[in-house]
Amino acid sequence: MQDSELKYFKEILESRKDQIIKNIKGVNDELNQLSSLELNDEGDHASVDNSSMVESAIVRQQEKELREINVTLGKIASGDYGICEMCEDPIGFQRLKVKPHAIYCIDCREIVEKSK
């Protein structure tokens, strides 16, 4: 992969990482505010519990993506970026444009998906 392509993907990944960190902080602040509310009835409790559950699920998903991005940034630094972890062939540029932190080429991703 060319240096200009690596720089392109690194910028995208770092931008996404910053956005995720900002999102997680905002959700955690919101959850802290919800937990400090004085609730008067069961409807209020149910609403807060539901919101907390949804927000927590979002945070877990974003934390997972953040871990994947950090691993990918490490691969860029070490020169291993864009190589499929299964077949060790290059991951296509178009696939990386769609998911810059992809670890599998499209064929291997399908194999992994079907085996789940």
N, C-alpha and C. Protein backbone atom coordinates (compact mmCIF):
# COMPACT_ATOMS: atom_id res chain seq x y z
N MET A 1 0.85 -1.18 0.00
CA MET A 1 0.00 0.00 0.00
C MET A 1 0.89 1.24 0.00
N GLN A 2 0.48 2.22 -0.77
CA GLN A 2 1.27 3.45 -0.89
C GLN A 2 1.15 4.30 0.38
N ASP A 3 2.17 5.14 0.61
CA ASP A 3 2.18 6.01 1.78
C ASP A 3 0.97 6.94 1.81
N SER A 4 0.57 7.44 0.65
CA SER A 4 -0.57 8.35 0.60
C SER A 4 -1.86 7.63 1.02
N GLU A 5 -1.99 6.37 0.63
CA GLU A 5 -3.16 5.58 1.03
C GLU A 5 -3.14 5.31 2.54
N LEU A 6 -1.97 4.97 3.06
CA LEU A 6 -1.84 4.74 4.51
C LEU A 6 -2.21 6.01 5.28
N LYS A 7 -1.73 7.14 4.81
CA LYS A 7 -2.03 8.41 5.47
C LYS A 7 -3.53 8.67 5.44
N TYR A 8 -4.15 8.41 4.29
CA TYR A 8 -5.60 8.59 4.13
C TYR A 8 -6.37 7.77 5.16
N PHE A 9 -6.04 6.48 5.26
CA PHE A 9 -6.75 5.62 6.20
C PHE A 9 -6.43 5.97 7.65
N LYS A 10 -5.21 6.35 7.92
CA LYS A 10 -4.84 6.74 9.29
C LYS A 10 -5.65 7.96 9.73
N GLU A 11 -5.80 8.92 8.85
CA GLU A 11 -6.59 10.12 9.18
C GLU A 11 -8.05 9.76 9.44
N ILE A 12 -8.60 8.90 8.61
CA ILE A 12 -10.00 8.47 8.80
C ILE A 12 -10.14 7.77 10.14
N LEU A 13 -9.22 6.85 10.44
CA LEU A 13 -9.30 6.09 11.69
C LEU A 13 -9.13 6.99 12.91
N GLU A 14 -8.19 7.92 12.85
CA GLU A 14 -7.98 8.82 13.99
C GLU A 14 -9.18 9.74 14.20
N SER A 15 -9.79 10.18 13.11
CA SER A 15 -10.98 11.01 13.20
C SER A 15 -12.13 10.22 13.84
N ARG A 16 -12.33 8.99 13.39
CA ARG A 16 -13.38 8.14 13.95
C ARG A 16 -13.11 7.85 15.41
N LYS A 17 -11.85 7.60 15.75
CA LYS A 17 -11.47 7.34 17.14
C LYS A 17 -11.84 8.54 18.02
N ASP A 18 -11.49 9.74 17.57
CA ASP A 18 -11.83 10.95 18.34
C ASP A 18 -13.34 11.08 18.52
N GLN A 19 -14.10 10.79 17.46
CA GLN A 19 -15.56 10.87 17.54
C GLN A 19 -16.13 9.86 18.52
N ILE A 20 -15.61 8.64 18.49
CA ILE A 20 -16.09 7.60 19.41
C ILE A 20 -15.80 7.99 20.85
N ILE A 21 -14.60 8.47 21.11
CA ILE A 21 -14.23 8.88 22.48
C ILE A 21 -15.18 9.98 22.96
N LYS A 22 -15.46 10.93 22.08
CA LYS A 22 -16.38 12.03 22.41
C LYS A 22 -17.78 11.47 22.68
N ASN A 23 -18.25 10.53 21.83
CA ASN A 23 -19.57 9.92 22.01
C ASN A 23 -19.66 9.18 23.34
N ILE A 24 -18.66 8.38 23.64
CA ILE A 24 -18.67 7.59 24.88
C ILE A 24 -18.70 8.51 26.09
N LYS A 25 -17.90 9.56 26.05
CA LYS A 25 -17.89 10.51 27.17
C LYS A 25 -19.27 11.14 27.33
N GLY A 26 -19.89 11.54 26.22
CA GLY A 26 -21.22 12.15 26.28
C GLY A 26 -22.26 11.21 26.83
N VAL A 27 -22.22 9.95 26.40
CA VAL A 27 -23.19 8.96 26.88
C VAL A 27 -22.96 8.69 28.36
N ASN A 28 -21.71 8.56 28.77
CA ASN A 28 -21.42 8.31 30.18
C ASN A 28 -21.88 9.48 31.05
N ASP A 29 -21.69 10.70 30.55
CA ASP A 29 -22.17 11.88 31.29
C ASP A 29 -23.70 11.83 31.41
N GLU A 30 -24.36 11.46 30.32
CA GLU A 30 -25.83 11.37 30.32
C GLU A 30 -26.30 10.28 31.29
N LEU A 31 -25.63 9.13 31.29
CA LEU A 31 -26.00 8.05 32.21
C LEU A 31 -25.82 8.48 33.66
N ASN A 32 -24.75 9.22 33.93
CA ASN A 32 -24.53 9.72 35.29
C ASN A 32 -25.64 10.69 35.70
N GLN A 33 -26.08 11.52 34.76
CA GLN A 33 -27.17 12.45 35.06
C GLN A 33 -28.47 11.69 35.31
N LEU A 34 -28.73 10.65 34.51
CA LEU A 34 -29.95 9.86 34.70
C LEU A 34 -29.95 9.17 36.06
N SER A 35 -28.80 8.67 36.47
CA SER A 35 -28.75 7.94 37.74
C SER A 35 -28.91 8.87 38.94
N SER A 36 -28.66 10.16 38.74
CA SER A 36 -28.79 11.10 39.86
C SER A 36 -30.17 11.73 39.96
N LEU A 37 -31.07 11.41 39.03
CA LEU A 37 -32.42 11.96 39.05
C LEU A 37 -33.24 11.37 40.20
N GLU A 38 -34.08 12.19 40.76
CA GLU A 38 -35.03 11.71 41.77
C GLU A 38 -36.31 11.34 41.03
N LEU A 39 -36.57 10.04 40.98
CA LEU A 39 -37.72 9.55 40.22
C LEU A 39 -38.90 9.31 41.14
N ASN A 40 -40.08 9.68 40.66
CA ASN A 40 -41.27 9.64 41.50
C ASN A 40 -42.15 8.42 41.32
N ASP A 41 -42.12 7.79 40.17
CA ASP A 41 -43.02 6.65 39.98
C ASP A 41 -42.35 5.57 39.13
N GLU A 42 -43.07 4.45 39.00
CA GLU A 42 -42.53 3.30 38.27
C GLU A 42 -42.33 3.61 36.78
N GLY A 43 -43.17 4.45 36.23
CA GLY A 43 -43.03 4.84 34.82
C GLY A 43 -41.73 5.57 34.58
N ASP A 44 -41.39 6.48 35.49
CA ASP A 44 -40.12 7.20 35.38
C ASP A 44 -38.95 6.23 35.48
N HIS A 45 -39.03 5.30 36.46
CA HIS A 45 -37.96 4.31 36.63
C HIS A 45 -37.80 3.46 35.37
N ALA A 46 -38.91 3.02 34.80
CA ALA A 46 -38.87 2.18 33.60
C ALA A 46 -38.26 2.94 32.43
N SER A 47 -38.65 4.18 32.29
CA SER A 47 -38.11 5.00 31.20
C SER A 47 -36.61 5.19 31.33
N VAL A 48 -36.14 5.50 32.54
CA VAL A 48 -34.71 5.69 32.79
C VAL A 48 -33.96 4.38 32.59
N ASP A 49 -34.53 3.27 33.09
CA ASP A 49 -33.88 1.97 32.92
C ASP A 49 -33.75 1.62 31.44
N ASN A 50 -34.80 1.87 30.68
CA ASN A 50 -34.78 1.58 29.24
C ASN A 50 -33.72 2.43 28.54
N SER A 51 -33.70 3.71 28.85
CA SER A 51 -32.70 4.60 28.25
C SER A 51 -31.29 4.17 28.62
N SER A 52 -31.10 3.79 29.88
CA SER A 52 -29.78 3.35 30.33
C SER A 52 -29.34 2.08 29.60
N MET A 53 -30.28 1.16 29.40
CA MET A 53 -29.96 -0.08 28.70
C MET A 53 -29.52 0.19 27.26
N VAL A 54 -30.26 1.03 26.58
CA VAL A 54 -29.94 1.36 25.19
C VAL A 54 -28.60 2.08 25.11
N GLU A 55 -28.41 3.06 25.96
CA GLU A 55 -27.16 3.82 25.96
C GLU A 55 -25.97 2.92 26.29
N SER A 56 -26.13 2.01 27.23
CA SER A 56 -25.05 1.09 27.59
C SER A 56 -24.69 0.18 26.42
N ALA A 57 -25.69 -0.28 25.69
CA ALA A 57 -25.44 -1.12 24.52
C ALA A 57 -24.67 -0.34 23.45
N ILE A 58 -25.03 0.91 23.27
CA ILE A 58 -24.32 1.75 22.30
C ILE A 58 -22.87 1.93 22.73
N VAL A 59 -22.65 2.19 24.01
CA VAL A 59 -21.29 2.37 24.51
C VAL A 59 -20.47 1.10 24.31
N ARG A 60 -21.05 -0.06 24.60
CA ARG A 60 -20.32 -1.33 24.41
C ARG A 60 -19.91 -1.51 22.96
N GLN A 61 -20.82 -1.22 22.04
CA GLN A 61 -20.52 -1.36 20.61
C GLN A 61 -19.42 -0.38 20.19
N GLN A 62 -19.50 0.83 20.68
CA GLN A 62 -18.49 1.82 20.31
C GLN A 62 -17.14 1.51 20.95
N GLU A 63 -17.15 0.96 22.16
CA GLU A 63 -15.89 0.55 22.79
C GLU A 63 -15.23 -0.58 21.99
N LYS A 64 -16.05 -1.49 21.46
CA LYS A 64 -15.53 -2.57 20.62
C LYS A 64 -14.89 -1.98 19.36
N GLU A 65 -15.58 -1.06 18.72
CA GLU A 65 -15.04 -0.42 17.52
C GLU A 65 -13.76 0.34 17.84
N LEU A 66 -13.72 0.98 19.00
CA LEU A 66 -12.53 1.72 19.41
C LEU A 66 -11.33 0.78 19.58
N ARG A 67 -11.56 -0.39 20.18
CA ARG A 67 -10.48 -1.38 20.32
C ARG A 67 -9.99 -1.82 18.94
N GLU A 68 -10.92 -2.07 18.01
CA GLU A 68 -10.55 -2.47 16.66
C GLU A 68 -9.74 -1.37 15.95
N ILE A 69 -10.14 -0.14 16.14
CA ILE A 69 -9.42 0.98 15.54
C ILE A 69 -8.02 1.09 16.11
N ASN A 70 -7.87 0.93 17.43
CA ASN A 70 -6.55 1.00 18.05
C ASN A 70 -5.63 -0.10 17.52
N VAL A 71 -6.17 -1.30 17.36
CA VAL A 71 -5.38 -2.40 16.78
C VAL A 71 -4.97 -2.04 15.36
N THR A 72 -5.89 -1.49 14.59
CA THR A 72 -5.62 -1.13 13.20
C THR A 72 -4.56 -0.03 13.11
N LEU A 73 -4.63 0.96 13.99
CA LEU A 73 -3.61 2.01 13.99
C LEU A 73 -2.24 1.42 14.31
N GLY A 74 -2.20 0.41 15.17
CA GLY A 74 -0.95 -0.29 15.45
C GLY A 74 -0.43 -1.01 14.21
N LYS A 75 -1.34 -1.58 13.43
CA LYS A 75 -0.95 -2.26 12.19
C LYS A 75 -0.39 -1.26 11.18
N ILE A 76 -0.96 -0.08 11.13
CA ILE A 76 -0.43 0.95 10.23
C ILE A 76 1.00 1.29 10.65
N ALA A 77 1.20 1.46 11.95
CA ALA A 77 2.52 1.82 12.46
C ALA A 77 3.55 0.72 12.19
N SER A 78 3.12 -0.53 12.25
CA SER A 78 4.06 -1.64 12.07
C SER A 78 4.20 -2.08 10.61
N GLY A 79 3.37 -1.52 9.73
CA GLY A 79 3.44 -1.87 8.31
C GLY A 79 2.62 -3.09 7.93
N ASP A 80 1.73 -3.54 8.81
CA ASP A 80 0.91 -4.72 8.54
C ASP A 80 -0.51 -4.38 8.13
N TYR A 81 -0.79 -3.11 7.88
CA TYR A 81 -2.15 -2.69 7.58
C TYR A 81 -2.60 -3.18 6.21
N GLY A 82 -3.88 -3.57 6.14
CA GLY A 82 -4.48 -3.94 4.87
C GLY A 82 -4.23 -5.37 4.46
N ILE A 83 -3.77 -6.20 5.39
CA ILE A 83 -3.51 -7.61 5.11
C ILE A 83 -4.56 -8.44 5.85
N CYS A 84 -5.22 -9.35 5.13
CA CYS A 84 -6.24 -10.20 5.71
C CYS A 84 -5.61 -11.12 6.76
N GLU A 85 -6.23 -11.19 7.93
CA GLU A 85 -5.71 -12.03 9.01
C GLU A 85 -5.93 -13.52 8.76
N MET A 86 -6.79 -13.86 7.81
CA MET A 86 -7.06 -15.27 7.54
C MET A 86 -6.19 -15.79 6.39
N CYS A 87 -6.28 -15.16 5.22
CA CYS A 87 -5.56 -15.66 4.04
C CYS A 87 -4.25 -14.94 3.78
N GLU A 88 -4.04 -13.83 4.48
CA GLU A 88 -2.83 -13.00 4.36
C GLU A 88 -2.67 -12.33 3.00
N ASP A 89 -3.75 -12.25 2.24
CA ASP A 89 -3.76 -11.48 1.00
C ASP A 89 -4.13 -10.04 1.33
N PRO A 90 -3.81 -9.11 0.43
CA PRO A 90 -4.21 -7.72 0.67
C PRO A 90 -5.74 -7.58 0.69
N ILE A 91 -6.21 -6.74 1.60
CA ILE A 91 -7.64 -6.41 1.65
C ILE A 91 -7.86 -5.32 0.60
N GLY A 92 -8.89 -5.45 -0.20
CA GLY A 92 -9.15 -4.50 -1.27
C GLY A 92 -9.35 -3.08 -0.78
N PHE A 93 -8.90 -2.13 -1.59
CA PHE A 93 -9.00 -0.71 -1.25
C PHE A 93 -10.46 -0.31 -1.01
N GLN A 94 -11.37 -0.78 -1.86
CA GLN A 94 -12.78 -0.43 -1.71
C GLN A 94 -13.34 -0.95 -0.39
N ARG A 95 -12.93 -2.16 0.00
CA ARG A 95 -13.38 -2.72 1.29
C ARG A 95 -12.87 -1.86 2.44
N LEU A 96 -11.62 -1.43 2.37
CA LEU A 96 -11.05 -0.59 3.42
C LEU A 96 -11.71 0.79 3.45
N LYS A 97 -12.15 1.27 2.29
CA LYS A 97 -12.86 2.56 2.28
C LYS A 97 -14.17 2.44 3.04
N VAL A 98 -14.84 1.30 2.92
CA VAL A 98 -16.10 1.08 3.61
C VAL A 98 -15.87 0.83 5.10
N LYS A 99 -14.86 0.02 5.40
CA LYS A 99 -14.55 -0.32 6.80
C LYS A 99 -13.03 -0.29 6.97
N PRO A 100 -12.49 0.88 7.31
CA PRO A 100 -11.03 1.03 7.38
C PRO A 100 -10.36 0.13 8.42
N HIS A 101 -11.11 -0.36 9.39
CA HIS A 101 -10.53 -1.23 10.40
C HIS A 101 -10.86 -2.72 10.14
N ALA A 102 -11.15 -3.04 8.87
CA ALA A 102 -11.44 -4.43 8.51
C ALA A 102 -10.20 -5.29 8.73
N ILE A 103 -10.43 -6.51 9.22
CA ILE A 103 -9.30 -7.43 9.41
C ILE A 103 -9.33 -8.59 8.42
N TYR A 104 -10.44 -8.71 7.67
CA TYR A 104 -10.57 -9.77 6.69
C TYR A 104 -10.89 -9.18 5.32
N CYS A 105 -10.40 -9.85 4.28
CA CYS A 105 -10.83 -9.51 2.92
C CYS A 105 -12.30 -9.93 2.81
N ILE A 106 -12.94 -9.55 1.74
CA ILE A 106 -14.37 -9.81 1.60
C ILE A 106 -14.68 -11.31 1.58
N ASP A 107 -13.83 -12.11 0.92
CA ASP A 107 -14.07 -13.56 0.85
C ASP A 107 -13.96 -14.20 2.23
N CYS A 108 -12.92 -13.86 2.96
CA CYS A 108 -12.72 -14.45 4.29
C CYS A 108 -13.78 -13.97 5.27
N ARG A 109 -14.23 -12.73 5.10
CA ARG A 109 -15.29 -12.22 5.97
C ARG A 109 -16.55 -13.05 5.80
N GLU A 110 -16.86 -13.41 4.57
CA GLU A 110 -18.03 -14.25 4.30
C GLU A 110 -17.88 -15.61 4.96
N ILE A 111 -16.69 -16.18 4.91
CA ILE A 111 -16.44 -17.47 5.55
C ILE A 111 -16.66 -17.36 7.06
N VAL A 112 -16.12 -16.30 7.66
CA VAL A 112 -16.28 -16.10 9.10
C VAL A 112 -17.74 -15.91 9.47
N GLU A 113 -18.45 -15.11 8.67
CA GLU A 113 -19.87 -14.86 8.94
C GLU A 113 -20.68 -16.15 8.88
N LYS A 114 -20.41 -16.99 7.88
CA LYS A 114 -21.15 -18.24 7.72
C LYS A 114 -20.83 -19.23 8.83
N SER A 115 -19.62 -19.17 9.36
CA SER A 115 -19.24 -20.12 10.40
C SER A 115 -19.80 -19.74 11.78
N LYS A 116 -20.35 -18.54 11.91
CA LYS A 116 -20.90 -18.11 13.20
C LYS A 116 -22.24 -18.70 13.42
